[in-house]
Protein backbone atom coordinates (compact mmCIF):
# COMPACT_ATOMS: atom_id res chain seq x y z
CA UNK A 1 0.00 0.00 0.00
CA UNK A 2 1.35 3.42 -0.89
CA UNK A 3 1.97 6.25 1.58
CA UNK A 4 -1.00 8.16 0.10
CA UNK A 5 -3.22 5.09 0.31
CA UNK A 6 -2.32 4.51 3.96
CA UNK A 7 -3.00 8.15 4.81
CA UNK A 8 -6.35 7.98 3.04
CA UNK A 9 -7.25 4.84 4.94
CA UNK A 10 -6.16 6.38 8.28
CA UNK A 11 -8.18 9.54 7.64
CA UNK A 12 -11.29 7.56 6.73
CA UNK A 13 -10.97 5.36 9.77
CA UNK A 14 -10.29 8.31 12.07
CA UNK A 15 -13.48 9.90 10.80
CA UNK A 16 -15.43 6.71 11.33
CA UNK A 17 -14.33 6.42 14.95
CA UNK A 18 -15.13 10.07 15.59
CA UNK A 19 -18.55 9.75 13.99
CA UNK A 20 -19.72 6.72 15.91
CA UNK A 21 -18.71 4.51 18.74
CA UNK A 22 -19.12 0.82 19.23
CA UNK A 23 -20.13 -0.93 22.40
CA UNK A 24 -17.86 -3.81 21.45
CA UNK A 25 -14.73 -4.18 23.49
CA UNK A 26 -11.70 -6.39 23.24
CA UNK A 27 -12.19 -10.11 23.15
CA UNK A 28 -11.84 -11.93 26.46
CA UNK A 29 -8.60 -13.55 25.23
CA UNK A 30 -7.16 -10.15 24.24
CA UNK A 31 -6.95 -10.96 20.52
CA UNK A 32 -8.06 -8.57 17.80
CA UNK A 33 -8.82 -8.77 14.11
CA UNK A 34 -7.02 -6.20 12.03
CA UNK A 35 -3.99 -5.03 10.17
CA UNK A 36 -0.86 -3.20 11.17
CA UNK A 37 1.03 -0.94 8.79
CA UNK A 38 4.61 0.06 9.55
CA UNK A 39 5.35 3.44 8.00
CA UNK A 40 8.62 5.28 7.57
CA UNK A 41 7.43 8.89 7.43
CA UNK A 42 9.69 11.90 7.17
CA UNK A 43 7.90 14.26 9.53
CA UNK A 44 8.61 17.98 9.23
CA UNK A 45 10.98 19.40 11.88
CA UNK A 46 9.05 20.13 15.09
CA UNK A 47 6.39 17.47 14.45
CA UNK A 48 4.88 16.38 16.69
CA UNK A 49 4.50 19.71 18.44
CA UNK A 50 5.85 20.14 21.96
CA UNK A 51 2.39 20.98 23.27
CA UNK A 52 -1.25 20.96 22.25
CA UNK A 53 -3.07 24.00 20.96
CA UNK A 54 -6.05 25.65 22.66
CA UNK A 55 -8.43 22.91 21.41
CA UNK A 56 -6.17 19.98 22.32
CA UNK A 57 -5.01 19.25 18.76
CA UNK A 58 -1.42 18.03 18.89
CA UNK A 59 -1.53 16.83 22.49
CA UNK A 60 0.66 13.78 22.99
CA UNK A 61 -1.15 10.51 23.53
CA UNK A 62 -0.25 6.86 23.81
CA UNK A 63 -1.76 4.00 21.89
CA UNK A 64 -4.87 2.89 23.76
CA UNK A 65 -4.24 5.36 26.60
CA UNK A 66 -7.51 7.29 26.30
CA UNK A 67 -5.78 10.66 26.79
CA UNK A 68 -7.65 12.49 24.00
CA UNK A 69 -10.79 14.16 25.28
CA UNK A 70 -13.94 13.66 23.23
CA UNK A 71 -14.31 14.52 20.34
CA UNK A 72 -10.55 14.14 19.75
CA UNK A 73 -8.99 10.81 18.78
CA UNK A 74 -5.41 9.56 19.08
CA UNK A 75 -3.80 9.23 15.64
CA UNK A 76 -1.90 6.08 16.60
CA UNK A 77 -4.81 4.19 18.17
CA UNK A 78 -6.15 1.05 16.56
CA UNK A 79 -9.22 2.28 14.74
CA UNK A 80 -11.66 -0.27 13.31
CA UNK A 81 -8.93 -2.89 13.31
CA UNK A 82 -6.25 -0.75 11.62
CA UNK A 83 -3.06 0.27 13.39
CA UNK A 84 -0.52 2.66 11.86
CA UNK A 85 2.98 2.49 13.29
CA UNK A 86 5.19 5.47 12.55
CA UNK A 87 2.60 8.23 12.77
CA UNK A 88 2.95 10.77 15.58
CA UNK A 89 0.82 9.86 18.58
CA UNK A 90 -1.11 13.11 18.86
CA UNK A 91 -4.73 14.01 19.46
CA UNK A 92 -6.65 15.19 16.41
CA UNK A 93 -10.20 16.21 15.57
CA UNK A 94 -11.84 14.35 12.71
CA UNK A 95 -15.36 14.33 11.33
CA UNK A 96 -17.65 13.79 8.39
CA UNK A 97 -18.80 16.33 5.82
CA UNK A 98 -22.23 17.38 7.08
CA UNK A 99 -23.35 18.50 3.60
CA UNK A 100 -21.57 16.30 1.04
CA UNK A 101 -24.11 16.90 -1.73
CA UNK A 102 -23.96 20.67 -1.60
CA UNK A 103 -20.42 21.39 -0.40
CA UNK A 104 -17.36 19.55 -1.72
CA UNK A 105 -15.16 20.85 1.12
CA UNK A 106 -15.80 19.20 4.49
CA UNK A 107 -13.76 21.92 6.20
CA UNK A 108 -15.98 24.63 4.72
CA UNK A 109 -19.17 22.65 5.37
CA UNK A 110 -18.43 21.76 8.97
CA UNK A 111 -16.28 24.72 10.00
CA UNK A 112 -14.52 22.61 12.61
CA UNK A 113 -12.73 24.42 15.40
CA UNK A 114 -9.17 23.15 14.96
CA UNK A 115 -7.83 25.94 17.16
CA UNK A 116 -4.66 27.96 16.91
CA UNK A 117 -1.68 26.70 14.92
CA UNK A 118 -3.74 23.91 13.36
CA UNK A 119 -5.37 23.55 9.96
CA UNK A 120 -8.50 21.75 8.86
CA UNK A 121 -7.63 19.35 6.05
CA UNK A 122 -10.21 17.82 3.73
CA UNK A 123 -10.27 14.11 3.07
CA UNK A 124 -11.68 14.30 -0.44
CA UNK A 125 -15.30 15.49 -0.09
CA UNK A 126 -16.11 12.98 2.63
CA UNK A 127 -14.37 14.01 5.83
CA UNK A 128 -11.90 16.31 7.57
CA UNK A 129 -9.16 16.12 10.17
CA UNK A 130 -7.18 18.77 12.04
CA UNK A 131 -3.42 18.81 11.72
CA UNK A 132 -0.95 20.87 13.73
CA UNK A 133 0.57 23.32 11.23
CA UNK A 134 4.05 22.08 12.11
CA UNK A 135 3.07 18.61 10.85
CA UNK A 136 1.84 19.74 7.42
CA UNK A 137 4.28 18.53 4.73
CA UNK A 138 5.45 21.60 2.84
CA UNK A 139 3.04 23.69 4.92
CA UNK A 140 -0.01 22.32 3.10
CA UNK A 141 -2.62 19.66 3.68
CA UNK A 142 -2.14 16.38 1.85
CA UNK A 143 -4.37 16.32 -1.23
CA UNK A 144 -6.27 13.05 -1.51
CA UNK A 145 -7.38 12.20 -5.02
CA UNK A 146 -8.88 8.77 -4.46
CA UNK A 147 -6.07 6.99 -6.33
CA UNK A 148 -3.47 4.66 -4.93
C-alpha cells in the first residue's frame, strides 16, 4: 500500500471512529482482528509539536491510553482494526462532511474548530481532520485524489 493510500485509509478510519462509537470491546482472550502498517514517514521538523493548541489538537497521547478528550482521537490508536505504526501519537479532531451533496469541502461545510496553529484538512469530499501546522508537509494539507 502506498503512503498516500495509507493516509487515506487512516483519515477515513479516524473519521469513522469520531462519527460513531461501538459498544464492542476487546475479546476476552485479548486478541483482535485487524492489520498493522509500519510506516517510515519523514515528519517535518518540530512534528509532533511540543504541546497541544487551545483545542487539544497536537496533544501527545499513547496508543490505547484514552488521553484524547472527546471529540478528539489519538492518531496512533487502533481504529476499526487498523493500526498505523510510525505516525505521531497526537490528538486530532476528525469528522464527516455534514453537507456532502452541496459542499465539496468538508472543512468549509463543517467549519470545525481546529484551534490555533492547526489547519482543517479535507479528506476528499467525505471528511476532515485537524493537523498541527508544524506537521503539514510543505506547509499544506495532503491532497487526496482517491487513487493509490
